[in-house]
């Protein structure tokens, strides 16, 4: 996780969604020097089992884009996912992800 926090791009993360008035879910995004994104899904509320979701479109990508998702806490690759990602989080819990958008080169 230090690699994401101390990324040489020196760009801070920003909150891209704040559902504090409803579920308590928040989504934070930080661009990394290699073009990947570090994402935090955060349940800032007091309720357990809150689903926090990020759509690829919130990140400036197409919903049809294929994105490799890595769970940084579990140190586990979750595979290639389209449209977005959801995590069910207990109160004050987080999911930390690294996202790599797969670019398809087209030859004409």
C-alpha atoms as a PDB file:
ATOM      1  CA  UNK A   1       0.000   0.000   0.000  1.00  0.00           C
ATOM      2  CA  UNK A   2       2.917   2.311   0.504  1.00  0.00           C
ATOM      3  CA  UNK A   3       3.524   2.140  -3.254  1.00  0.00           C
ATOM      4  CA  UNK A   4       0.135   3.751  -3.863  1.00  0.00           C
ATOM      5  CA  UNK A   5       0.496   6.314  -1.082  1.00  0.00           C
ATOM      6  CA  UNK A   6       4.045   7.311  -2.060  1.00  0.00           C
ATOM      7  CA  UNK A   7       3.526   7.123  -5.825  1.00  0.00           C
ATOM      8  CA  UNK A   8       6.049   9.254  -7.705  1.00  0.00           C
ATOM      9  CA  UNK A   9       3.304  11.188  -9.521  1.00  0.00           C
ATOM     10  CA  UNK A  10       2.768  13.102  -6.236  1.00  0.00           C
ATOM     11  CA  UNK A  11      -0.913  13.611  -7.052  1.00  0.00           C
ATOM     12  CA  UNK A  12      -3.248  13.565  -4.087  1.00  0.00           C
ATOM     13  CA  UNK A  13      -6.457  11.597  -4.043  1.00  0.00           C
ATOM     14  CA  UNK A  14      -9.861  13.208  -4.296  1.00  0.00           C
ATOM     15  CA  UNK A  15     -13.321  12.258  -3.161  1.00  0.00           C
ATOM     16  CA  UNK A  16     -15.434  11.622  -6.235  1.00  0.00           C
ATOM     17  CA  UNK A  17     -18.636  10.676  -4.425  1.00  0.00           C
ATOM     18  CA  UNK A  18     -20.003  11.343  -0.958  1.00  0.00           C
ATOM     19  CA  UNK A  19     -23.227   9.622   0.105  1.00  0.00           C
ATOM     20  CA  UNK A  20     -22.968  10.716   3.756  1.00  0.00           C
ATOM     21  CA  UNK A  21     -26.587  11.870   3.816  1.00  0.00           C
ATOM     22  CA  UNK A  22     -27.881   8.438   2.765  1.00  0.00           C
ATOM     23  CA  UNK A  23     -25.649   5.363   3.127  1.00  0.00           C
ATOM     24  CA  UNK A  24     -22.392   6.853   4.370  1.00  0.00           C
ATOM     25  CA  UNK A  25     -20.564   5.503   1.329  1.00  0.00           C
ATOM     26  CA  UNK A  26     -17.674   7.445  -0.157  1.00  0.00           C
ATOM     27  CA  UNK A  27     -15.472   6.832  -3.197  1.00  0.00           C
ATOM     28  CA  UNK A  28     -11.945   8.250  -3.372  1.00  0.00           C
ATOM     29  CA  UNK A  29      -9.649   8.126  -6.411  1.00  0.00           C
ATOM     30  CA  UNK A  30      -5.918   8.747  -6.877  1.00  0.00           C
ATOM     31  CA  UNK A  31      -4.146   8.574 -10.236  1.00  0.00           C
ATOM     32  CA  UNK A  32      -0.856   6.700 -10.216  1.00  0.00           C
ATOM     33  CA  UNK A  33       2.219   7.454 -12.318  1.00  0.00           C
ATOM     34  CA  UNK A  34       1.718   4.386 -14.555  1.00  0.00           C
ATOM     35  CA  UNK A  35      -1.860   5.366 -15.448  1.00  0.00           C
ATOM     36  CA  UNK A  36      -3.542   3.015 -12.978  1.00  0.00           C
ATOM     37  CA  UNK A  37      -5.937   4.324 -10.331  1.00  0.00           C
ATOM     38  CA  UNK A  38      -5.903   3.682  -6.598  1.00  0.00           C
ATOM     39  CA  UNK A  39      -9.496   3.607  -5.344  1.00  0.00           C
ATOM     40  CA  UNK A  40     -10.854   3.614  -1.817  1.00  0.00           C
ATOM     41  CA  UNK A  41     -14.439   2.624  -1.116  1.00  0.00           C
ATOM     42  CA  UNK A  42     -15.282   3.838   2.395  1.00  0.00           C
ATOM     43  CA  UNK A  43     -18.297   3.350   4.665  1.00  0.00           C
ATOM     44  CA  UNK A  44     -18.158   6.465   6.846  1.00  0.00           C
ATOM     45  CA  UNK A  45     -21.486   5.655   8.498  1.00  0.00           C
ATOM     46  CA  UNK A  46     -22.421   3.633  11.553  1.00  0.00           C
ATOM     47  CA  UNK A  47     -24.366   0.915   9.705  1.00  0.00           C
ATOM     48  CA  UNK A  48     -22.839  -2.431   8.794  1.00  0.00           C
ATOM     49  CA  UNK A  49     -23.291  -4.212   5.449  1.00  0.00           C
ATOM     50  CA  UNK A  50     -23.401  -1.027   3.349  1.00  0.00           C
ATOM     51  CA  UNK A  51     -22.755  -1.520  -0.362  1.00  0.00           C
ATOM     52  CA  UNK A  52     -20.356   1.075  -1.769  1.00  0.00           C
ATOM     53  CA  UNK A  53     -20.065   1.109  -5.556  1.00  0.00           C
ATOM     54  CA  UNK A  54     -17.914   2.885  -8.116  1.00  0.00           C
ATOM     55  CA  UNK A  55     -18.960   3.088 -11.770  1.00  0.00           C
ATOM     56  CA  UNK A  56     -16.209   3.236 -14.365  1.00  0.00           C
ATOM     57  CA  UNK A  57     -17.961   6.314 -15.815  1.00  0.00           C
ATOM     58  CA  UNK A  58     -17.298   8.154 -12.523  1.00  0.00           C
ATOM     59  CA  UNK A  59     -13.612   7.630 -13.274  1.00  0.00           C
ATOM     60  CA  UNK A  60     -13.873   8.999 -16.812  1.00  0.00           C
ATOM     61  CA  UNK A  61     -13.928   5.551 -18.427  1.00  0.00           C
ATOM     62  CA  UNK A  62     -16.633   3.839 -20.487  1.00  0.00           C
ATOM     63  CA  UNK A  63     -18.915   1.392 -18.697  1.00  0.00           C
ATOM     64  CA  UNK A  64     -17.917  -1.207 -21.300  1.00  0.00           C
ATOM     65  CA  UNK A  65     -14.203  -0.837 -20.538  1.00  0.00           C
ATOM     66  CA  UNK A  66     -12.534  -3.929 -19.180  1.00  0.00           C
ATOM     67  CA  UNK A  67     -10.657  -3.115 -15.977  1.00  0.00           C
ATOM     68  CA  UNK A  68      -8.268  -5.335 -14.042  1.00  0.00           C
ATOM     69  CA  UNK A  69      -9.123  -5.017 -10.347  1.00  0.00           C
ATOM     70  CA  UNK A  70      -6.701  -5.827  -7.539  1.00  0.00           C
ATOM     71  CA  UNK A  71      -7.755  -5.900  -3.880  1.00  0.00           C
ATOM     72  CA  UNK A  72      -4.775  -4.316  -2.143  1.00  0.00           C
ATOM     73  CA  UNK A  73      -5.765  -5.436   1.376  1.00  0.00           C
ATOM     74  CA  UNK A  74      -6.171  -9.082   0.357  1.00  0.00           C
ATOM     75  CA  UNK A  75      -3.262  -8.910  -2.125  1.00  0.00           C
ATOM     76  CA  UNK A  76      -5.531 -10.643  -4.609  1.00  0.00           C
ATOM     77  CA  UNK A  77      -6.310 -10.053  -8.277  1.00  0.00           C
ATOM     78  CA  UNK A  78     -10.086 -10.044  -8.755  1.00  0.00           C
ATOM     79  CA  UNK A  79      -9.995 -10.321 -12.538  1.00  0.00           C
ATOM     80  CA  UNK A  80     -11.244  -8.250 -15.422  1.00  0.00           C
ATOM     81  CA  UNK A  81     -14.483  -6.405 -14.629  1.00  0.00           C
ATOM     82  CA  UNK A  82     -16.740  -4.163 -16.720  1.00  0.00           C
ATOM     83  CA  UNK A  83     -19.079  -1.337 -15.645  1.00  0.00           C
ATOM     84  CA  UNK A  84     -17.974  -0.953 -12.010  1.00  0.00           C
ATOM     85  CA  UNK A  85     -17.150  -2.561  -8.703  1.00  0.00           C
ATOM     86  CA  UNK A  86     -19.043  -2.936  -5.412  1.00  0.00           C
ATOM     87  CA  UNK A  87     -17.950  -3.859  -1.907  1.00  0.00           C
ATOM     88  CA  UNK A  88     -20.122  -4.576   1.127  1.00  0.00           C
ATOM     89  CA  UNK A  89     -18.498  -2.773   4.036  1.00  0.00           C
ATOM     90  CA  UNK A  90     -19.074  -2.665   7.765  1.00  0.00           C
ATOM     91  CA  UNK A  91     -19.203   0.668   9.594  1.00  0.00           C
ATOM     92  CA  UNK A  92     -16.001   2.684   9.116  1.00  0.00           C
ATOM     93  CA  UNK A  93     -14.492  -0.038   6.922  1.00  0.00           C
ATOM     94  CA  UNK A  94     -12.674   0.467   3.614  1.00  0.00           C
ATOM     95  CA  UNK A  95     -11.826  -1.461   0.469  1.00  0.00           C
ATOM     96  CA  UNK A  96      -8.637  -0.379  -1.287  1.00  0.00           C
ATOM     97  CA  UNK A  97      -8.260  -1.265  -4.941  1.00  0.00           C
ATOM     98  CA  UNK A  98      -5.862  -0.775  -7.800  1.00  0.00           C
ATOM     99  CA  UNK A  99      -7.545  -0.453 -11.199  1.00  0.00           C
ATOM    100  CA  UNK A 100      -5.864  -0.910 -14.565  1.00  0.00           C
ATOM    101  CA  UNK A 101      -7.975  -0.117 -17.626  1.00  0.00           C
ATOM    102  CA  UNK A 102      -7.245  -2.531 -20.443  1.00  0.00           C
ATOM    103  CA  UNK A 103      -6.762  -0.705 -23.710  1.00  0.00           C
ATOM    104  CA  UNK A 104      -7.582  -2.584 -26.863  1.00  0.00           C
ATOM    105  CA  UNK A 105      -5.420  -1.693 -29.812  1.00  0.00           C
ATOM    106  CA  UNK A 106      -7.186  -1.776 -33.128  1.00  0.00           C
ATOM    107  CA  UNK A 107      -5.408  -2.453 -36.373  1.00  0.00           C
ATOM    108  CA  UNK A 108      -7.129  -1.348 -39.567  1.00  0.00           C
END
